Protein backbone atom coordinates (compact mmCIF):
# COMPACT_ATOMS: atom_id res chain seq x y z
CA MET A 1 0.00 0.00 0.00
CA ALA A 2 1.50 3.27 -1.16
CA LYS A 3 1.72 6.24 1.20
CA ARG A 4 -0.33 9.18 -0.05
CA ASP A 5 1.12 12.67 0.09
CA ILE A 6 -0.96 15.14 2.11
CA PRO A 7 -1.46 18.29 0.07
CA GLU A 8 -0.10 21.46 1.66
CA ILE A 9 -2.47 24.29 2.52
CA ASN A 10 -1.68 27.38 0.54
CA ALA A 11 -1.11 30.04 3.20
CA GLY A 12 0.13 32.69 0.78
CA SER A 13 -3.07 34.72 0.88
CA MET A 14 -3.47 34.55 4.70
CA ALA A 15 -1.29 37.62 5.18
CA ASP A 16 -3.45 39.56 2.71
CA ILE A 17 -6.64 38.52 4.49
CA SER A 18 -5.19 39.46 7.89
CA PHE A 19 -4.12 42.84 6.55
CA LEU A 20 -7.59 43.49 5.09
CA LEU A 21 -9.27 42.51 8.37
CA LEU A 22 -6.92 44.80 10.28
CA ILE A 23 -7.78 47.74 8.00
CA PHE A 24 -11.50 46.96 8.29
CA PHE A 25 -11.42 46.99 12.09
CA LEU A 26 -9.33 50.17 12.21
CA VAL A 27 -11.80 51.97 9.96
CA ALA A 28 -14.99 50.55 11.49
CA THR A 29 -14.07 50.89 15.17
CA THR A 30 -14.82 54.06 17.11
CA MET A 31 -12.50 54.95 19.94
CA ASP A 32 -13.24 57.02 23.01
CA VAL A 33 -11.03 60.05 23.12
CA ASP A 34 -10.32 61.81 26.40
CA THR A 35 -11.09 65.44 25.73
CA GLY A 36 -9.66 66.71 29.00
CA LEU A 37 -10.37 70.17 30.37
CA GLN A 38 -11.28 72.71 27.76
CA ARG A 39 -9.16 75.78 28.32
CA ARG A 40 -8.04 78.31 25.78
CA LEU A 41 -4.66 79.77 26.65
CA PRO A 42 -3.99 83.41 25.77
CA GLN A 43 -1.85 84.04 22.72
CA MET A 44 1.75 84.97 23.30
CA GLN A 45 2.28 88.72 23.19
CA ASP A 46 5.36 90.22 21.54
CA GLU A 47 5.45 93.10 24.02
CA PRO A 48 3.98 93.24 27.50
CA GLN A 49 0.75 95.20 27.55
CA GLN A 50 0.66 98.33 29.63
CA GLU A 51 -3.06 98.05 30.36
CA GLU A 52 -3.61 98.15 34.10
CA GLN A 53 -6.73 96.76 35.66
CA LYS A 54 -7.60 97.14 39.32
CA LEU A 55 -8.68 93.86 40.81
CA TYR A 56 -10.25 94.16 44.22
CA LYS A 57 -10.13 91.30 46.72
CA ARG A 58 -13.95 91.15 46.81
CA ASN A 59 -13.90 90.24 43.09
CA ILE A 60 -11.68 87.18 43.66
CA PHE A 61 -13.15 83.87 44.77
CA GLN A 62 -10.21 81.83 45.99
CA ILE A 63 -10.15 78.04 46.04
CA VAL A 64 -7.03 76.39 47.48
CA ILE A 65 -6.40 72.62 47.42
CA ASN A 66 -3.56 71.36 49.61
CA GLY A 67 -1.51 68.18 49.30
CA TYR A 68 -3.85 66.28 51.62
CA ASP A 69 -6.82 66.93 49.28
CA GLN A 70 -8.38 69.44 51.65
CA LEU A 71 -10.23 72.46 50.27
CA LEU A 72 -10.14 76.03 51.44
CA ILE A 73 -12.65 78.48 50.01
CA ASP A 74 -11.83 82.05 50.97
CA ASP A 75 -9.84 80.73 53.97
CA ASP A 76 -12.70 78.48 55.21
CA ILE A 77 -12.56 74.66 55.08
CA ALA A 78 -15.12 73.35 52.57
CA GLU A 79 -16.22 70.26 50.67
CA VAL A 80 -16.37 69.75 46.89
CA GLU A 81 -20.18 69.61 47.07
CA GLN A 82 -20.26 73.21 48.36
CA ILE A 83 -18.23 74.74 45.53
CA ARG A 84 -20.94 75.10 42.88
CA ALA A 85 -23.44 76.93 45.12
CA LYS A 86 -20.74 79.25 46.48
CA VAL A 87 -19.40 80.06 43.00
CA LEU A 88 -22.97 80.71 41.76
CA ASP A 89 -23.60 83.17 44.61
CA PHE A 90 -20.25 84.87 44.02
CA ILE A 91 -20.57 85.36 40.24
CA ASP A 92 -24.24 86.35 40.34
CA ASN A 93 -23.85 88.71 43.35
CA ASN A 94 -24.21 92.03 41.46
CA GLY A 95 -22.55 94.07 44.20
CA ASP A 96 -22.42 97.26 42.16
CA GLY A 97 -25.96 96.85 40.74
CA SER A 98 -24.77 97.11 37.12
CA CYS A 99 -25.97 93.64 36.05
CA ALA A 100 -29.60 93.63 34.87
CA HIS A 101 -29.83 89.82 34.54
CA CYS A 102 -28.19 88.96 37.88
CA ARG A 103 -30.24 87.70 40.83
CA GLY A 104 -27.61 87.95 43.55
CA MET A 105 -27.86 89.33 47.08
CA LYS A 106 -25.90 92.51 46.19
CA ASN A 107 -23.47 91.86 49.01
CA PRO A 108 -20.93 94.74 49.01
CA ALA A 109 -18.24 92.34 50.28
CA SER A 110 -18.65 90.02 47.27
CA SER A 111 -18.16 90.45 43.50
CA ASP A 112 -19.31 93.60 41.69
CA ASN A 113 -20.67 91.83 38.59
CA PRO A 114 -19.97 88.72 36.44
CA ASN A 115 -17.46 90.58 34.25
CA LYS A 116 -15.27 91.46 37.23
CA ALA A 117 -15.73 88.20 39.16
CA VAL A 118 -12.66 85.93 38.98
CA VAL A 119 -12.49 82.38 40.34
CA SER A 120 -8.92 81.65 41.40
CA ILE A 121 -7.84 78.01 41.77
CA SER A 122 -4.50 77.07 43.26
CA ASN A 123 -3.35 73.61 44.20
CA ASP A 124 -0.44 71.75 45.72
CA ARG A 125 1.92 69.59 43.68
CA SER A 126 0.64 66.60 45.69
CA THR A 127 -3.05 67.28 45.03
CA SER A 128 -4.77 64.26 43.53
CA TYR A 129 -5.82 64.58 39.91
CA GLY A 130 -9.32 63.35 40.76
CA LEU A 131 -9.97 66.19 43.22
CA TYR A 132 -8.44 68.76 40.87
CA VAL A 133 -10.81 67.67 38.07
CA ALA A 134 -13.78 67.55 40.49
CA VAL A 135 -13.12 71.16 41.55
CA GLN A 136 -12.78 72.27 37.92
CA ASN A 137 -16.01 70.46 37.08
CA GLU A 138 -17.94 72.23 39.87
CA VAL A 139 -16.63 75.67 38.90
CA VAL A 140 -17.42 75.23 35.20
CA GLY A 141 -20.77 73.69 36.18
CA ALA A 142 -21.64 76.88 38.09
CA TYR A 143 -20.88 79.01 35.02
CA ASN A 144 -22.93 76.66 32.82
CA GLU A 145 -25.91 76.88 35.20
CA LEU A 146 -25.86 80.67 35.03
CA ARG A 147 -25.47 80.61 31.24
CA ASP A 148 -28.30 78.09 30.97
CA ARG A 149 -30.62 80.27 33.05
CA TYR A 150 -29.76 83.31 30.92
CA ALA A 151 -30.32 81.38 27.67
CA LYS A 152 -33.73 80.09 28.77
CA GLU A 153 -34.89 83.51 29.96
CA ARG A 154 -33.57 85.39 26.95
CA PHE A 155 -34.02 82.93 24.07
CA GLY A 156 -36.31 80.18 25.39
CA LYS A 157 -33.67 77.50 24.74
CA SER A 158 -31.10 75.85 26.97
CA TYR A 159 -27.44 76.78 26.66
CA ALA A 160 -26.59 73.16 25.74
CA ASP A 161 -29.14 73.20 22.88
CA LEU A 162 -27.70 76.44 21.50
CA GLN A 163 -24.17 75.01 21.71
CA ARG A 164 -25.30 71.87 19.86
CA VAL A 165 -26.84 73.97 17.08
CA GLY A 166 -23.67 76.07 16.95
CA VAL A 167 -21.55 72.96 16.45
CA GLU A 168 -23.88 71.35 13.90
CA SER A 169 -24.45 74.59 11.95
CA PRO A 170 -21.40 76.83 12.38
CA GLU A 171 -22.68 79.10 9.59
CA ASP A 172 -25.81 79.96 11.63
CA GLU A 173 -25.06 83.60 12.51
CA GLU A 174 -28.09 84.03 14.78
CA THR A 175 -27.03 81.14 17.04
CA ALA A 176 -23.43 82.37 17.04
CA ALA A 177 -24.62 85.84 18.12
CA ARG A 178 -26.77 84.32 20.87
CA LEU A 179 -23.88 82.21 22.19
CA LYS A 180 -21.64 85.27 22.21
CA GLU A 181 -24.25 87.25 24.14
CA ILE A 182 -24.55 84.47 26.72
CA LYS A 183 -20.77 84.22 27.13
CA ASP A 184 -20.49 88.00 27.43
CA ALA A 185 -23.21 87.97 30.11
CA TYR A 186 -21.31 85.36 32.13
CA PRO A 187 -17.66 85.28 30.96
CA LEU A 188 -15.60 82.32 32.14
CA ASN A 189 -13.04 84.10 34.34
CA ILE A 190 -10.97 81.31 35.89
CA SER A 191 -7.42 81.95 37.07
CA GLU A 192 -5.19 78.96 37.70
CA ALA A 193 -1.95 79.46 39.60
CA GLU A 194 1.06 77.23 39.06
CA PRO A 195 1.05 74.35 41.58
CA VAL A 196 3.09 75.00 44.73
CA ASP A 197 4.17 72.91 47.69
CA TYR A 198 2.01 74.02 50.63
CA ASN A 199 3.42 71.25 52.85
CA LYS A 200 6.89 72.78 53.12
C-alpha cells in the first residue's frame, strides 16, 4: 500500500486577508477620546501690555487645594459639594448693581458683577488629579448653570441646545450671536496658579 502525500495548505493569501481585516477593524471601530479640560490659553504677546486693571479682593473667589486633598474656600474649610453653590452666589452677586440679569444678594463684600468676578484656583503639587478635576467640574458647572438660566430667559432654549446647534451649523449667525451674548453675560473668568508645595 503506497503512502499518499498530504497536500499542503496554501497560506500565501493569509497575510493579505489578515491585513484586510486589520484595515476593516481600524476603519470601522470608534474609539473614546479623552477630551480633557477645555481651556483656551492666551496668545503669546510680543510686548507686554501696559493696560492696568484694578482687581479688588472682593472680586476674587479663591479656592485652594492642599496636598492632603483638603479644600479652602476664601480661607474656610469646605467640601467639593459646596463649591458650585458658592461660585454661583459669588458670580451672580451684582454688588455694584450694574448687572440687569443677575439675581444675587448685592453683598458689598462680594463680587461687583460677572465681568469682574474671577475664580482663582491654586493647588499643591501633591493634590490628587481626581480632586483637581472635580473642583474644575464644579466651577465650570456653576458658570454653565448661570449661562443656561440666561439662555432660557432670553431665548427660550437651553445653553446646551444652542451650543449643539452652533456645532452642527457653524454658519448659523443668529445662534453664534446668541452664544456670544450668553458668554459675554457670564464670561468664564478662571485663574489657575502654578502648583506650589504648601506642605513645606
